[in-house]
Amino acid sequence: MKKLISLSLVALMLLPLAACGIGGGGRGGASGGNFKYDDDFVKTNMPAEYLLTYKTTNYENGQPKPSSYATTIKTANGYYYESGDEDGYNSGSLYILHDGKYVQYSGTKEEGFTKPSEEEMQWTYQWEPDQIELMAGSGILSYMTYYSTFAELMKPDGTETIAGRKCDKFKASIGLFGVGVQYAYSVDQQTGVCLRFGFPATTPEDSGALTFECTEFQLTGVSLPSYS
């Protein structure tokens, strides 16, 4: 299985080269070309506030491993990131905007978060907006970038509804070094955010897969955990 995973990663890295070989461009469209999924699409089209939760599951020869969860909440006041697992463990970080920079608050979602004291503020690291946005993108929205890179290989595959939202489906297949790899994306028609990503790989001996699926996508009535 380790061999399968290693070869799958090789296929993942080489797929952009395959895309370039048939035209490149890094853009794709859905719903008759109404959307162009490039690197800036999500940042440009995402609203000022949102809540996104994803479940990630790995499979080995058809058997699922324990899932993990990740949530991002964005409002005009700040960002909240939380990760957890099926055993009930969760850990969250809250960043609140102050004078153009984001300050990390201490605490928990259950007990509330607190702003650092004036003394602590002197040595507490304060994040630039683009750093926080990058953190959001790399943790939650990164699969959209994968779609942008591989767009020329993606073929329309109908529609489906995920987390109550209408999505356009795309798929692509590639074979490298005896490994067959398939990519399946479901992209929210309104925002362009990838709400489901599937990455199965097979060899004659093994099979494995990664699934990344949105379980909650909220664009109104969003709020951060309590803080003071």
Protein backbone atom coordinates (compact mmCIF):
# COMPACT_ATOMS: atom_id res chain seq x y z
CA MET A 1 0.00 0.00 0.00
CA LYS A 2 2.92 2.35 0.70
CA LYS A 3 4.08 1.74 -2.87
CA LEU A 4 0.62 2.63 -4.12
CA ILE A 5 0.55 5.87 -2.14
CA SER A 6 4.04 6.82 -3.31
CA LEU A 7 3.20 6.21 -6.95
CA SER A 8 -0.07 8.07 -6.56
CA LEU A 9 1.83 11.10 -5.31
CA VAL A 10 4.12 10.87 -8.32
CA ALA A 11 1.08 10.82 -10.57
CA LEU A 12 -0.32 13.82 -8.73
CA MET A 13 2.89 15.78 -9.25
CA LEU A 14 3.17 14.86 -12.94
CA LEU A 15 -0.43 15.63 -13.81
CA PRO A 16 0.27 19.38 -14.35
CA LEU A 17 2.87 18.38 -16.96
CA ALA A 18 0.24 16.29 -18.73
CA ALA A 19 -2.13 19.23 -18.61
CA CYS A 20 0.49 21.55 -20.12
CA GLY A 21 1.12 19.03 -22.85
CA ILE A 22 -2.45 19.32 -24.13
CA GLY A 23 -2.81 23.05 -24.03
CA GLY A 24 -2.41 24.15 -20.40
CA GLY A 25 -4.01 27.46 -19.59
CA GLY A 26 -5.07 26.41 -16.10
CA ARG A 27 -8.72 27.34 -16.59
CA GLY A 28 -11.93 25.40 -16.84
CA GLY A 29 -15.61 26.20 -16.94
CA ALA A 30 -18.95 24.87 -15.84
CA SER A 31 -22.62 25.60 -16.53
CA GLY A 32 -21.94 26.52 -20.14
CA GLY A 33 -18.73 28.39 -19.35
CA ASN A 34 -20.21 30.75 -16.76
CA PHE A 35 -17.34 30.06 -14.37
CA LYS A 36 -13.59 30.14 -14.89
CA TYR A 37 -11.75 28.31 -12.16
CA ASP A 38 -8.36 30.00 -11.98
CA ASP A 39 -6.17 30.66 -8.96
CA ASP A 40 -8.07 33.82 -8.00
CA PHE A 41 -11.61 32.59 -8.61
CA VAL A 42 -12.46 31.59 -5.06
CA LYS A 43 -10.88 34.66 -3.48
CA THR A 44 -12.75 36.90 -5.95
CA ASN A 45 -16.14 35.21 -5.61
CA MET A 46 -16.31 34.15 -1.97
CA PRO A 47 -18.60 36.40 0.12
CA ALA A 48 -17.41 38.46 3.07
CA GLU A 49 -18.51 35.76 5.50
CA TYR A 50 -18.79 31.99 5.29
CA LEU A 51 -18.58 28.76 7.24
CA LEU A 52 -17.08 25.67 5.61
CA THR A 53 -16.69 22.24 7.18
CA TYR A 54 -15.00 19.33 5.43
CA LYS A 55 -14.56 15.66 6.26
CA THR A 56 -11.45 13.90 4.97
CA THR A 57 -11.28 10.11 4.76
CA ASN A 58 -8.58 7.77 3.49
CA TYR A 59 -9.39 4.27 2.19
CA GLU A 60 -7.12 1.25 1.92
CA ASN A 61 -8.36 -1.59 -0.27
CA GLY A 62 -11.91 -0.33 0.17
CA GLN A 63 -11.76 0.02 3.96
CA PRO A 64 -12.13 3.52 5.42
CA LYS A 65 -9.68 4.87 7.96
CA PRO A 66 -10.88 7.22 10.76
CA SER A 67 -12.05 10.54 9.31
CA SER A 68 -10.80 13.98 10.26
CA TYR A 69 -12.71 17.26 10.16
CA ALA A 70 -11.76 20.86 9.45
CA THR A 71 -13.83 24.04 9.74
CA THR A 72 -13.11 27.59 8.64
CA ILE A 73 -15.32 30.52 9.69
CA LYS A 74 -14.79 33.98 8.24
CA THR A 75 -16.56 37.20 9.21
CA ALA A 76 -15.72 40.89 8.95
CA ASN A 77 -14.16 40.66 12.44
CA GLY A 78 -11.91 37.66 11.98
CA TYR A 79 -11.28 34.00 11.24
CA TYR A 80 -11.74 30.81 13.22
CA TYR A 81 -10.09 27.49 12.33
CA GLU A 82 -10.95 24.18 13.94
CA SER A 83 -9.77 20.62 13.33
CA GLY A 84 -11.04 17.42 14.91
CA ASP A 85 -11.52 13.68 14.56
CA GLU A 86 -14.14 10.99 15.08
CA ASP A 87 -13.01 10.43 18.67
CA GLY A 88 -14.27 13.86 19.68
CA TYR A 89 -10.90 15.61 19.80
CA ASN A 90 -10.95 19.16 18.45
CA SER A 91 -8.66 22.16 18.53
CA GLY A 92 -9.46 25.69 17.39
CA SER A 93 -7.69 29.01 16.82
CA LEU A 94 -9.38 32.42 16.71
CA TYR A 95 -7.90 35.46 14.95
CA ILE A 96 -9.53 38.87 15.43
CA LEU A 97 -8.82 41.95 13.31
CA HIS A 98 -7.22 44.89 15.17
CA ASP A 99 -5.80 47.96 13.42
CA GLY A 100 -5.34 46.14 10.13
CA LYS A 101 -3.73 43.01 11.60
CA TYR A 102 -5.04 39.76 13.05
CA VAL A 103 -4.36 38.91 16.70
CA GLN A 104 -4.66 35.34 17.96
CA TYR A 105 -6.93 35.06 21.01
CA SER A 106 -6.51 32.42 23.71
CA GLY A 107 -9.21 30.04 24.93
CA THR A 108 -11.58 27.41 23.56
CA LYS A 109 -14.86 27.40 21.67
CA GLU A 110 -16.63 25.94 24.69
CA GLU A 111 -15.30 28.46 27.23
CA GLY A 112 -14.82 31.46 24.95
CA PHE A 113 -11.73 33.31 23.74
CA THR A 114 -9.92 36.26 25.33
CA LYS A 115 -7.80 39.04 23.84
CA PRO A 116 -4.15 39.09 24.96
CA SER A 117 -3.36 41.62 27.70
CA GLU A 118 -1.61 44.89 26.86
CA GLU A 119 1.66 43.37 28.02
CA GLU A 120 1.11 40.23 26.00
CA MET A 121 0.23 42.31 22.93
CA GLN A 122 3.81 43.59 22.90
CA TRP A 123 5.18 40.14 22.10
CA THR A 124 2.13 38.40 20.62
CA TYR A 125 2.66 37.79 16.90
CA GLN A 126 0.21 39.75 14.77
CA TRP A 127 -0.68 38.39 11.36
CA GLU A 128 -1.00 40.35 8.13
CA PRO A 129 -4.32 39.85 6.28
CA ASP A 130 -2.67 38.04 3.37
CA GLN A 131 -1.06 35.57 5.80
CA ILE A 132 -4.43 34.71 7.31
CA GLU A 133 -6.02 34.43 3.87
CA LEU A 134 -3.22 32.09 2.79
CA MET A 135 -3.83 29.97 5.87
CA ALA A 136 -7.52 29.72 4.98
CA GLY A 137 -6.76 28.86 1.38
CA SER A 138 -4.13 26.22 2.09
CA GLY A 139 -6.23 24.48 4.72
CA ILE A 140 -9.72 24.54 3.23
CA LEU A 141 -9.76 25.78 -0.35
CA SER A 142 -6.57 24.21 -1.71
CA TYR A 143 -8.40 21.60 -3.80
CA MET A 144 -9.73 24.44 -5.92
CA THR A 145 -6.15 25.23 -6.87
CA TYR A 146 -5.67 21.61 -7.91
CA TYR A 147 -8.66 21.97 -10.19
CA SER A 148 -7.18 25.12 -11.68
CA THR A 149 -3.94 23.29 -12.45
CA PHE A 150 -5.62 20.25 -13.97
CA ALA A 151 -8.52 22.00 -15.69
CA GLU A 152 -7.55 20.97 -19.22
CA LEU A 153 -7.85 17.29 -18.30
CA MET A 154 -11.22 17.62 -16.57
CA LYS A 155 -14.36 16.48 -18.34
CA PRO A 156 -17.93 17.48 -17.31
CA ASP A 157 -19.69 14.66 -15.45
CA GLY A 158 -23.16 16.03 -14.66
CA THR A 159 -24.31 17.69 -11.46
CA GLU A 160 -25.03 16.75 -7.85
CA THR A 161 -26.06 18.41 -4.60
CA ILE A 162 -23.59 18.58 -1.70
CA ALA A 163 -24.38 20.23 1.65
CA GLY A 164 -27.58 21.54 0.06
CA ARG A 165 -25.75 23.27 -2.81
CA LYS A 166 -25.87 22.57 -6.55
CA CYS A 167 -22.49 21.45 -7.90
CA ASP A 168 -20.98 20.77 -11.32
CA LYS A 169 -19.05 17.50 -11.47
CA PHE A 170 -15.78 16.92 -13.32
CA LYS A 171 -13.52 13.90 -13.71
CA ALA A 172 -10.16 12.97 -15.17
CA SER A 173 -8.09 9.77 -15.37
CA ILE A 174 -4.38 9.21 -15.81
CA GLY A 175 -2.10 6.16 -15.78
CA LEU A 176 1.57 6.38 -14.80
CA PHE A 177 4.08 3.66 -13.84
CA GLY A 178 1.36 1.02 -13.58
CA VAL A 179 -0.81 3.16 -11.31
CA GLY A 180 -4.27 4.18 -12.44
CA VAL A 181 -5.33 7.47 -10.87
CA GLN A 182 -8.73 9.13 -11.12
CA TYR A 183 -9.67 12.64 -10.06
CA ALA A 184 -13.25 13.65 -9.36
CA TYR A 185 -14.33 17.17 -8.39
CA SER A 186 -17.71 18.64 -7.48
CA VAL A 187 -17.65 22.42 -7.71
CA ASP A 188 -20.23 24.76 -6.20
CA GLN A 189 -21.94 26.63 -9.04
CA GLN A 190 -22.29 29.89 -7.12
CA THR A 191 -18.87 30.34 -5.54
CA GLY A 192 -16.59 27.98 -7.46
CA VAL A 193 -15.49 26.25 -4.26
CA CYS A 194 -14.68 22.55 -4.53
CA LEU A 195 -17.15 20.77 -2.23
CA ARG A 196 -16.04 17.22 -2.99
CA PHE A 197 -12.72 15.82 -4.17
CA GLY A 198 -12.01 12.15 -4.81
CA PHE A 199 -8.58 10.71 -5.52
CA PRO A 200 -8.62 6.90 -5.95
CA ALA A 201 -5.54 5.04 -7.17
CA THR A 202 -5.10 1.36 -8.07
CA THR A 203 -2.36 -1.12 -8.95
CA PRO A 204 -2.81 -4.84 -9.73
CA GLU A 205 -2.20 -5.56 -6.03
CA ASP A 206 -3.65 -2.62 -4.10
CA SER A 207 -6.17 0.18 -4.12
CA GLY A 208 -6.41 3.34 -2.08
CA ALA A 209 -8.39 6.55 -2.06
CA LEU A 210 -8.74 9.96 -0.49
CA THR A 211 -12.11 11.71 -0.23
CA PHE A 212 -12.58 15.30 0.81
CA GLU A 213 -16.23 16.33 1.18
CA CYS A 214 -18.02 19.41 2.46
CA THR A 215 -20.55 18.66 5.18
CA GLU A 216 -21.62 22.26 5.86
CA PHE A 217 -21.44 25.41 3.74
CA GLN A 218 -23.07 28.51 5.22
CA LEU A 219 -23.02 31.96 3.60
CA THR A 220 -25.40 33.90 5.86
CA GLY A 221 -25.91 34.15 9.58
CA VAL A 222 -22.27 33.24 10.21
CA SER A 223 -20.72 34.05 13.60
CA LEU A 224 -17.41 33.46 15.33
CA PRO A 225 -17.15 31.67 18.70
CA SER A 226 -17.71 33.97 21.68
CA TYR A 227 -14.77 36.21 22.60
CA SER A 228 -14.01 39.25 24.73
